[in-house]
Amino acid sequence: MSAVAHPPADATEMVSVRAVHKVFGHGNDAVHVLKGVDLDVARGSVTVILGPSGSGKSTLLRCINELEEITGGSIVVDGDLMGYRTDAKGVLHRLHPKAIARQRSRIGMVFQRFHLFPHMTALENIMEAPVQVRGLSKRAARQRATELIERVGLSDRADHYPAQLSGGQQQRVAIARALAMDPELMLFDEPTSALDPELVGEVLSVMKDLARSGMTMIVVTHEIGFAREVADHVVFMDDGVIVESGPPQEVLDDPQHTRTKNFLSHVL
């Protein structure tokens, strides 16, 4: 298996995933996590990916964001083939890590764990990447960070350190930090699964606001209510493949595949 060039099928698609495979390890120890995944995500839409643990959901996000190198297939984000360039003869070449980092800087990602710098305040955490990666002045970065921390409802916590914030507040800072890079696409990898139940709502509220603003989002989550209310497209994955996908009312209320029905019966 190898990466293949794939021009975007439609300018309205922000993400185009074609025949993507991901294998970890080699020989008898190889684990085939993604098995030929195809997925299109329309610009300005919200796609929610559901599925049991080990189904490949998080690996797919990490491949889109180039945190994992695909074993086969192709991923195009906003017309840009991720991780590769094509020469005059049509041969693919792996991009230099700096070029991959530039591609990745256009994609925001929020993880299950918050990964905030413990020695920096909430505001400083949001400022860090624009200053270090994009070369923004500290003054400009502070102004942008102040706007974003207000957007996630934490203006009164700007000078607090992560240890002084609740889990929900830390995750909202993590969302603001991702937005500080002005991404074209936001990926969320189970952003509420590490939170106490009473804190989930405040994070989902920020994500709903982001969706209403027109941000293209791919969200791995078990929050069925969020999927029903916010998603334009719901994908159910199991064992490295997409089993079923479509509008939320179809996939959630009238699933066609037995595996989807069994999963939803347990989650609901």
C-alpha atoms as a PDB file:
ATOM      1  CA  MET A   1       0.000   0.000   0.000  1.00  0.00           C
ATOM      2  CA  SER A   2       1.129   3.531  -0.685  1.00  0.00           C
ATOM      3  CA  ALA A   3      -0.230   7.053  -0.768  1.00  0.00           C
ATOM      4  CA  VAL A   4      -1.907   8.032  -4.025  1.00  0.00           C
ATOM      5  CA  ALA A   5      -2.491  11.461  -5.514  1.00  0.00           C
ATOM      6  CA  HIS A   6      -6.119  12.455  -5.437  1.00  0.00           C
ATOM      7  CA  PRO A   7      -7.431  15.799  -6.678  1.00  0.00           C
ATOM      8  CA  PRO A   8     -10.363  17.139  -4.681  1.00  0.00           C
ATOM      9  CA  ALA A   9     -13.636  16.020  -6.238  1.00  0.00           C
ATOM     10  CA  ASP A  10     -15.475  19.210  -5.429  1.00  0.00           C
ATOM     11  CA  ALA A  11     -14.407  22.683  -4.276  1.00  0.00           C
ATOM     12  CA  THR A  12     -17.174  22.560  -1.665  1.00  0.00           C
ATOM     13  CA  GLU A  13     -15.342  19.713   0.126  1.00  0.00           C
ATOM     14  CA  MET A  14     -12.980  20.798   2.882  1.00  0.00           C
ATOM     15  CA  VAL A  15     -11.762  17.247   3.524  1.00  0.00           C
ATOM     16  CA  SER A  16     -11.557  14.350   1.097  1.00  0.00           C
ATOM     17  CA  VAL A  17     -10.328  11.001   2.433  1.00  0.00           C
ATOM     18  CA  ARG A  18      -9.814   8.261  -0.136  1.00  0.00           C
ATOM     19  CA  ALA A  19      -9.029   4.576   0.484  1.00  0.00           C
ATOM     20  CA  VAL A  20      -7.016   5.402   3.598  1.00  0.00           C
ATOM     21  CA  HIS A  21      -5.238   2.568   5.356  1.00  0.00           C
ATOM     22  CA  LYS A  22      -3.197   2.742   8.518  1.00  0.00           C
ATOM     23  CA  VAL A  23      -1.091  -0.173   9.731  1.00  0.00           C
ATOM     24  CA  PHE A  24       0.916  -0.051  12.940  1.00  0.00           C
ATOM     25  CA  GLY A  25       3.880  -2.408  13.218  1.00  0.00           C
ATOM     26  CA  HIS A  26       5.235  -4.951  10.762  1.00  0.00           C
ATOM     27  CA  GLY A  27       4.920  -8.623   9.904  1.00  0.00           C
ATOM     28  CA  ASN A  28       3.087 -10.794  12.406  1.00  0.00           C
ATOM     29  CA  ASP A  29       2.875  -7.888  14.847  1.00  0.00           C
ATOM     30  CA  ALA A  30       1.111  -5.572  12.356  1.00  0.00           C
ATOM     31  CA  VAL A  31      -2.213  -4.080  13.419  1.00  0.00           C
ATOM     32  CA  HIS A  32      -4.441  -2.882  10.574  1.00  0.00           C
ATOM     33  CA  VAL A  33      -6.365   0.009  12.187  1.00  0.00           C
ATOM     34  CA  LEU A  34      -7.856   1.765   9.141  1.00  0.00           C
ATOM     35  CA  LYS A  35      -8.990  -0.437   6.258  1.00  0.00           C
ATOM     36  CA  GLY A  36      -9.736   1.691   3.221  1.00  0.00           C
ATOM     37  CA  VAL A  37     -11.703   4.609   4.662  1.00  0.00           C
ATOM     38  CA  ASP A  38     -13.512   7.030   2.332  1.00  0.00           C
ATOM     39  CA  LEU A  39     -14.950  10.243   3.761  1.00  0.00           C
ATOM     40  CA  ASP A  40     -15.942  13.662   2.422  1.00  0.00           C
ATOM     41  CA  VAL A  41     -16.527  16.631   4.726  1.00  0.00           C
ATOM     42  CA  ALA A  42     -18.259  19.646   3.222  1.00  0.00           C
ATOM     43  CA  ARG A  43     -16.917  23.111   3.910  1.00  0.00           C
ATOM     44  CA  GLY A  44     -18.714  24.711   6.862  1.00  0.00           C
ATOM     45  CA  SER A  45     -20.280  21.423   7.989  1.00  0.00           C
ATOM     46  CA  VAL A  46     -20.098  19.403  11.202  1.00  0.00           C
ATOM     47  CA  THR A  47     -19.307  15.688  10.905  1.00  0.00           C
ATOM     48  CA  VAL A  48     -19.651  13.538  14.021  1.00  0.00           C
ATOM     49  CA  ILE A  49     -17.872  10.178  14.116  1.00  0.00           C
ATOM     50  CA  LEU A  50     -19.287   7.523  16.436  1.00  0.00           C
ATOM     51  CA  GLY A  51     -18.058   4.031  17.174  1.00  0.00           C
ATOM     52  CA  PRO A  52     -16.755   1.683  19.862  1.00  0.00           C
ATOM     53  CA  SER A  53     -13.257   1.963  21.315  1.00  0.00           C
ATOM     54  CA  GLY A  54     -10.648   0.624  18.915  1.00  0.00           C
ATOM     55  CA  SER A  55     -12.742   1.283  15.812  1.00  0.00           C
ATOM     56  CA  GLY A  56     -10.175   3.682  14.313  1.00  0.00           C
ATOM     57  CA  LYS A  57     -11.945   6.993  14.979  1.00  0.00           C
ATOM     58  CA  SER A  58      -9.068   8.755  16.725  1.00  0.00           C
ATOM     59  CA  THR A  59      -6.503   7.297  14.321  1.00  0.00           C
ATOM     60  CA  LEU A  60      -8.472   8.746  11.396  1.00  0.00           C
ATOM     61  CA  LEU A  61      -8.351  12.217  12.999  1.00  0.00           C
ATOM     62  CA  ARG A  62      -4.636  11.878  13.644  1.00  0.00           C
ATOM     63  CA  CYS A  63      -4.065  10.907  10.012  1.00  0.00           C
ATOM     64  CA  ILE A  64      -6.045  13.914   8.761  1.00  0.00           C
ATOM     65  CA  ASN A  65      -3.859  16.124  10.953  1.00  0.00           C
ATOM     66  CA  GLU A  66      -0.631  14.364   9.881  1.00  0.00           C
ATOM     67  CA  LEU A  67       0.109  13.236  13.423  1.00  0.00           C
ATOM     68  CA  GLU A  68       0.181   9.753  11.916  1.00  0.00           C
ATOM     69  CA  GLU A  69       1.487   8.930   8.439  1.00  0.00           C
ATOM     70  CA  ILE A  70      -1.008   6.960   6.389  1.00  0.00           C
ATOM     71  CA  THR A  71      -0.014   3.554   5.033  1.00  0.00           C
ATOM     72  CA  GLY A  72      -2.110   3.883   1.890  1.00  0.00           C
ATOM     73  CA  GLY A  73      -4.628   6.126   0.166  1.00  0.00           C
ATOM     74  CA  SER A  74      -4.792   9.924   0.259  1.00  0.00           C
ATOM     75  CA  ILE A  75      -6.103  12.813   2.339  1.00  0.00           C
ATOM     76  CA  VAL A  76      -6.821  16.208   0.799  1.00  0.00           C
ATOM     77  CA  VAL A  77      -7.623  19.219   3.000  1.00  0.00           C
ATOM     78  CA  ASP A  78      -8.808  22.384   1.268  1.00  0.00           C
ATOM     79  CA  GLY A  79      -7.327  21.193  -2.026  1.00  0.00           C
ATOM     80  CA  ASP A  80      -3.944  20.378  -0.485  1.00  0.00           C
ATOM     81  CA  LEU A  81      -2.643  16.792  -0.557  1.00  0.00           C
ATOM     82  CA  MET A  82      -1.554  16.169   3.020  1.00  0.00           C
ATOM     83  CA  GLY A  83       1.981  14.946   3.622  1.00  0.00           C
ATOM     84  CA  TYR A  84       3.047  14.633   0.008  1.00  0.00           C
ATOM     85  CA  ARG A  85       3.893  16.541  -3.158  1.00  0.00           C
ATOM     86  CA  THR A  86       3.660  15.347  -6.743  1.00  0.00           C
ATOM     87  CA  ASP A  87       6.586  15.924  -9.109  1.00  0.00           C
ATOM     88  CA  ALA A  88       6.398  16.620 -12.872  1.00  0.00           C
ATOM     89  CA  LYS A  89       6.158  12.893 -13.593  1.00  0.00           C
ATOM     90  CA  GLY A  90       3.299  12.404 -11.158  1.00  0.00           C
ATOM     91  CA  VAL A  91       5.466  10.616  -8.603  1.00  0.00           C
ATOM     92  CA  LEU A  92       4.669  11.248  -4.959  1.00  0.00           C
ATOM     93  CA  HIS A  93       7.323  12.429  -2.513  1.00  0.00           C
ATOM     94  CA  ARG A  94       6.991  12.757   1.245  1.00  0.00           C
ATOM     95  CA  LEU A  95       7.078  16.398   2.326  1.00  0.00           C
ATOM     96  CA  HIS A  96       9.807  17.800   4.571  1.00  0.00           C
ATOM     97  CA  PRO A  97       8.708  17.907   8.237  1.00  0.00           C
ATOM     98  CA  LYS A  98       8.646  21.729   8.126  1.00  0.00           C
ATOM     99  CA  ALA A  99       6.230  21.640   5.180  1.00  0.00           C
ATOM    100  CA  ILE A 100       4.063  19.124   7.025  1.00  0.00           C
ATOM    101  CA  ALA A 101       4.090  21.403  10.075  1.00  0.00           C
ATOM    102  CA  ARG A 102       2.873  24.273   7.869  1.00  0.00           C
ATOM    103  CA  GLN A 103       0.007  22.096   6.635  1.00  0.00           C
ATOM    104  CA  ARG A 104      -0.830  21.058  10.173  1.00  0.00           C
ATOM    105  CA  SER A 105      -0.886  24.696  11.365  1.00  0.00           C
ATOM    106  CA  ARG A 106      -4.059  25.223   9.314  1.00  0.00           C
ATOM    107  CA  ILE A 107      -5.871  22.525  11.289  1.00  0.00           C
ATOM    108  CA  GLY A 108      -6.886  22.965  14.915  1.00  0.00           C
ATOM    109  CA  MET A 109      -7.093  19.885  17.119  1.00  0.00           C
ATOM    110  CA  VAL A 110      -8.586  19.451  20.579  1.00  0.00           C
ATOM    111  CA  PHE A 111      -7.718  16.270  22.435  1.00  0.00           C
ATOM    112  CA  GLN A 112      -9.332  14.254  25.212  1.00  0.00           C
ATOM    113  CA  ARG A 113      -6.606  15.518  27.555  1.00  0.00           C
ATOM    114  CA  PHE A 114      -6.045  19.242  27.620  1.00  0.00           C
ATOM    115  CA  HIS A 115      -2.225  19.378  27.277  1.00  0.00           C
ATOM    116  CA  LEU A 116      -2.024  22.954  28.603  1.00  0.00           C
ATOM    117  CA  PHE A 117       1.352  24.292  29.712  1.00  0.00           C
ATOM    118  CA  PRO A 118       1.115  24.185  33.533  1.00  0.00           C
ATOM    119  CA  HIS A 119       3.540  27.094  34.044  1.00  0.00           C
ATOM    120  CA  MET A 120       1.533  29.473  31.815  1.00  0.00           C
ATOM    121  CA  THR A 121      -1.712  31.272  32.526  1.00  0.00           C
ATOM    122  CA  ALA A 122      -4.801  30.588  30.422  1.00  0.00           C
ATOM    123  CA  LEU A 123      -4.084  33.701  28.353  1.00  0.00           C
ATOM    124  CA  GLU A 124      -0.395  32.787  27.884  1.00  0.00           C
ATOM    125  CA  ASN A 125      -1.367  29.274  26.756  1.00  0.00           C
ATOM    126  CA  ILE A 126      -3.550  30.780  24.027  1.00  0.00           C
ATOM    127  CA  MET A 127      -0.823  33.256  22.970  1.00  0.00           C
ATOM    128  CA  GLU A 128       2.024  30.738  22.722  1.00  0.00           C
ATOM    129  CA  ALA A 129       1.520  29.151  19.281  1.00  0.00           C
ATOM    130  CA  PRO A 130       0.730  32.369  17.363  1.00  0.00           C
ATOM    131  CA  VAL A 131       3.931  33.923  18.745  1.00  0.00           C
ATOM    132  CA  GLN A 132       6.218  30.888  18.377  1.00  0.00           C
ATOM    133  CA  VAL A 133       4.839  29.364  15.165  1.00  0.00           C
ATOM    134  CA  ARG A 134       3.394  32.292  13.239  1.00  0.00           C
ATOM    135  CA  GLY A 135       5.719  35.011  14.516  1.00  0.00           C
ATOM    136  CA  LEU A 136       2.890  37.210  15.743  1.00  0.00           C
ATOM    137  CA  SER A 137       3.928  40.042  18.060  1.00  0.00           C
ATOM    138  CA  LYS A 138       3.108  39.506  21.723  1.00  0.00           C
ATOM    139  CA  ARG A 139       0.854  42.531  21.650  1.00  0.00           C
ATOM    140  CA  ALA A 140      -1.165  41.218  18.694  1.00  0.00           C
ATOM    141  CA  ALA A 141      -1.239  37.710  20.175  1.00  0.00           C
ATOM    142  CA  ARG A 142      -2.464  39.043  23.516  1.00  0.00           C
ATOM    143  CA  GLN A 143      -5.246  41.005  21.826  1.00  0.00           C
ATOM    144  CA  ARG A 144      -6.368  37.919  19.871  1.00  0.00           C
ATOM    145  CA  ALA A 145      -6.103  35.701  22.959  1.00  0.00           C
ATOM    146  CA  THR A 146      -8.228  38.160  24.946  1.00  0.00           C
ATOM    147  CA  GLU A 147     -10.938  37.991  22.263  1.00  0.00           C
ATOM    148  CA  LEU A 148     -10.861  34.206  22.233  1.00  0.00           C
ATOM    149  CA  ILE A 149     -10.902  33.730  25.991  1.00  0.00           C
ATOM    150  CA  GLU A 150     -13.971  35.971  26.057  1.00  0.00           C
ATOM    151  CA  ARG A 151     -15.529  33.866  23.298  1.00  0.00           C
ATOM    152  CA  VAL A 152     -15.209  30.700  25.404  1.00  0.00           C
ATOM    153  CA  GLY A 153     -16.598  32.515  28.445  1.00  0.00           C
ATOM    154  CA  LEU A 154     -13.447  32.672  30.559  1.00  0.00           C
ATOM    155  CA  SER A 155     -12.469  36.352  30.672  1.00  0.00           C
ATOM    156  CA  ASP A 156     -12.478  36.205  34.478  1.00  0.00           C
ATOM    157  CA  ARG A 157     -10.007  33.288  34.404  1.00  0.00           C
ATOM    158  CA  ALA A 158      -7.447  34.766  31.984  1.00  0.00           C
ATOM    159  CA  ASP A 159      -4.710  35.041  34.608  1.00  0.00           C
ATOM    160  CA  HIS A 160      -5.379  31.655  36.220  1.00  0.00           C
ATOM    161  CA  TYR A 161      -3.007  28.724  35.790  1.00  0.00           C
ATOM    162  CA  PRO A 162      -4.360  25.326  34.582  1.00  0.00           C
ATOM    163  CA  ALA A 163      -4.191  23.879  38.103  1.00  0.00           C
ATOM    164  CA  GLN A 164      -6.592  26.636  39.198  1.00  0.00           C
ATOM    165  CA  LEU A 165      -9.168  25.729  36.523  1.00  0.00           C
ATOM    166  CA  SER A 166     -11.762  22.976  36.371  1.00  0.00           C
ATOM    167  CA  GLY A 167     -11.512  20.325  33.674  1.00  0.00           C
ATOM    168  CA  GLY A 168     -14.247  22.016  31.660  1.00  0.00           C
ATOM    169  CA  GLN A 169     -12.494  25.364  31.902  1.00  0.00           C
ATOM    170  CA  GLN A 170      -9.174  23.812  30.841  1.00  0.00           C
ATOM    171  CA  GLN A 171     -10.833  22.243  27.801  1.00  0.00           C
ATOM    172  CA  ARG A 172     -12.379  25.588  26.852  1.00  0.00           C
ATOM    173  CA  VAL A 173      -8.909  27.156  27.045  1.00  0.00           C
ATOM    174  CA  ALA A 174      -7.640  24.322  24.827  1.00  0.00           C
ATOM    175  CA  ILE A 175     -10.349  25.152  22.259  1.00  0.00           C
ATOM    176  CA  ALA A 176      -9.395  28.845  22.363  1.00  0.00           C
ATOM    177  CA  ARG A 177      -5.742  27.888  21.954  1.00  0.00           C
ATOM    178  CA  ALA A 178      -6.561  25.884  18.803  1.00  0.00           C
ATOM    179  CA  LEU A 179      -8.643  28.768  17.424  1.00  0.00           C
ATOM    180  CA  ALA A 180      -5.754  31.198  17.978  1.00  0.00           C
ATOM    181  CA  MET A 181      -4.048  29.768  14.891  1.00  0.00           C
ATOM    182  CA  ASP A 182      -7.106  30.715  12.762  1.00  0.00           C
ATOM    183  CA  PRO A 183      -7.607  27.151  11.499  1.00  0.00           C
ATOM    184  CA  GLU A 184      -9.664  26.251   8.441  1.00  0.00           C
ATOM    185  CA  LEU A 185     -10.690  22.959  10.048  1.00  0.00           C
ATOM    186  CA  MET A 186     -11.215  21.899  13.664  1.00  0.00           C
ATOM    187  CA  LEU A 187     -10.800  18.310  14.852  1.00  0.00           C
ATOM    188  CA  PHE A 188     -12.147  17.215  18.234  1.00  0.00           C
ATOM    189  CA  ASP A 189     -11.042  13.858  19.651  1.00  0.00           C
ATOM    190  CA  GLU A 190     -13.518  12.938  22.404  1.00  0.00           C
ATOM    191  CA  PRO A 191     -13.222  16.407  23.955  1.00  0.00           C
ATOM    192  CA  THR A 192     -15.633  15.709  26.825  1.00  0.00           C
ATOM    193  CA  SER A 193     -14.782  12.100  27.731  1.00  0.00           C
ATOM    194  CA  ALA A 194     -12.290  13.074  30.461  1.00  0.00           C
ATOM    195  CA  LEU A 195     -14.708  15.522  32.108  1.00  0.00           C
ATOM    196  CA  ASP A 196     -17.051  15.077  35.036  1.00  0.00           C
ATOM    197  CA  PRO A 197     -20.649  14.897  33.749  1.00  0.00           C
ATOM    198  CA  GLU A 198     -21.617  18.314  35.120  1.00  0.00           C
ATOM    199  CA  LEU A 199     -18.803  19.970  33.138  1.00  0.00           C
ATOM    200  CA  VAL A 200     -19.636  18.440  29.748  1.00  0.00           C
ATOM    201  CA  GLY A 201     -22.332  20.982  28.899  1.00  0.00           C
ATOM    202  CA  GLU A 202     -20.065  24.027  29.086  1.00  0.00           C
ATOM    203  CA  VAL A 203     -17.641  22.527  26.548  1.00  0.00           C
ATOM    204  CA  LEU A 204     -20.409  21.381  24.197  1.00  0.00           C
ATOM    205  CA  SER A 205     -21.895  24.884  24.373  1.00  0.00           C
ATOM    206  CA  VAL A 206     -18.645  26.382  23.058  1.00  0.00           C
ATOM    207  CA  MET A 207     -18.527  23.763  20.297  1.00  0.00           C
ATOM    208  CA  LYS A 208     -22.132  24.513  19.296  1.00  0.00           C
ATOM    209  CA  ASP A 209     -21.290  28.208  19.064  1.00  0.00           C
ATOM    210  CA  LEU A 210     -18.306  27.350  16.890  1.00  0.00           C
ATOM    211  CA  ALA A 211     -20.501  25.240  14.604  1.00  0.00           C
ATOM    212  CA  ARG A 212     -23.011  28.094  14.258  1.00  0.00           C
ATOM    213  CA  SER A 213     -20.165  30.381  13.171  1.00  0.00           C
ATOM    214  CA  GLY A 214     -19.555  28.157  10.122  1.00  0.00           C
ATOM    215  CA  MET A 215     -16.365  26.401  11.210  1.00  0.00           C
ATOM    216  CA  THR A 216     -15.773  23.054   9.488  1.00  0.00           C
ATOM    217  CA  MET A 217     -15.607  20.480  12.287  1.00  0.00           C
ATOM    218  CA  ILE A 218     -14.970  16.751  12.617  1.00  0.00           C
ATOM    219  CA  VAL A 219     -15.913  15.524  16.081  1.00  0.00           C
ATOM    220  CA  VAL A 220     -15.231  12.097  17.580  1.00  0.00           C
ATOM    221  CA  THR A 221     -17.614  11.787  20.509  1.00  0.00           C
ATOM    222  CA  HIS A 222     -20.133   9.592  22.322  1.00  0.00           C
ATOM    223  CA  GLU A 223     -22.409  12.593  22.933  1.00  0.00           C
ATOM    224  CA  ILE A 224     -25.435  11.483  20.922  1.00  0.00           C
ATOM    225  CA  GLY A 225     -27.418  14.597  21.875  1.00  0.00           C
ATOM    226  CA  PHE A 226     -24.696  16.804  20.382  1.00  0.00           C
ATOM    227  CA  ALA A 227     -24.666  14.694  17.214  1.00  0.00           C
ATOM    228  CA  ARG A 228     -28.431  14.927  16.895  1.00  0.00           C
ATOM    229  CA  GLU A 229     -28.539  18.688  17.485  1.00  0.00           C
ATOM    230  CA  VAL A 230     -25.427  19.950  15.703  1.00  0.00           C
ATOM    231  CA  ALA A 231     -24.166  17.414  13.147  1.00  0.00           C
ATOM    232  CA  ASP A 232     -24.843  17.710   9.446  1.00  0.00           C
ATOM    233  CA  HIS A 233     -23.395  14.247   8.891  1.00  0.00           C
ATOM    234  CA  VAL A 234     -22.981  11.275  11.241  1.00  0.00           C
ATOM    235  CA  VAL A 235     -20.484   8.479  10.587  1.00  0.00           C
ATOM    236  CA  PHE A 236     -20.461   5.158  12.419  1.00  0.00           C
ATOM    237  CA  MET A 237     -17.099   3.335  12.396  1.00  0.00           C
ATOM    238  CA  ASP A 238     -16.264  -0.171  13.554  1.00  0.00           C
ATOM    239  CA  ASP A 239     -13.171  -2.322  13.066  1.00  0.00           C
ATOM    240  CA  GLY A 240     -11.403   0.234  10.864  1.00  0.00           C
ATOM    241  CA  VAL A 241     -14.180   0.819   8.336  1.00  0.00           C
ATOM    242  CA  ILE A 242     -17.138   3.165   7.946  1.00  0.00           C
ATOM    243  CA  VAL A 243     -20.162   0.942   8.469  1.00  0.00           C
ATOM    244  CA  GLU A 244     -22.855   3.560   7.972  1.00  0.00           C
ATOM    245  CA  SER A 245     -23.115   7.305   7.378  1.00  0.00           C
ATOM    246  CA  GLY A 246     -25.697   9.935   6.588  1.00  0.00           C
ATOM    247  CA  PRO A 247     -27.807  12.705   8.156  1.00  0.00           C
ATOM    248  CA  PRO A 248     -28.232  12.318  11.925  1.00  0.00           C
ATOM    249  CA  GLN A 249     -31.949  11.558  11.712  1.00  0.00           C
ATOM    250  CA  GLU A 250     -31.183   8.587   9.453  1.00  0.00           C
ATOM    251  CA  VAL A 251     -28.166   7.122  11.232  1.00  0.00           C
ATOM    252  CA  LEU A 252     -29.357   7.776  14.804  1.00  0.00           C
ATOM    253  CA  ASP A 253     -33.104   7.192  14.460  1.00  0.00           C
ATOM    254  CA  ASP A 254     -33.239   4.610  11.672  1.00  0.00           C
ATOM    255  CA  PRO A 255     -29.883   2.797  11.444  1.00  0.00           C
ATOM    256  CA  GLN A 256     -29.717   0.165   8.725  1.00  0.00           C
ATOM    257  CA  HIS A 257     -26.764  -1.909   9.888  1.00  0.00           C
ATOM    258  CA  THR A 258     -26.924  -4.366  12.797  1.00  0.00           C
ATOM    259  CA  ARG A 259     -23.593  -3.116  14.209  1.00  0.00           C
ATOM    260  CA  THR A 260     -24.900   0.462  14.267  1.00  0.00           C
ATOM    261  CA  LYS A 261     -28.128  -0.623  15.958  1.00  0.00           C
ATOM    262  CA  ASN A 262     -26.255  -2.592  18.633  1.00  0.00           C
ATOM    263  CA  PHE A 263     -23.878   0.290  19.352  1.00  0.00           C
ATOM    264  CA  LEU A 264     -26.658   2.866  19.656  1.00  0.00           C
ATOM    265  CA  SER A 265     -28.737   0.585  21.872  1.00  0.00           C
ATOM    266  CA  HIS A 266     -25.846   0.490  24.355  1.00  0.00           C
ATOM    267  CA  VAL A 267     -25.003   4.201  24.154  1.00  0.00           C
ATOM    268  CA  LEU A 268     -28.603   5.368  24.387  1.00  0.00           C
END
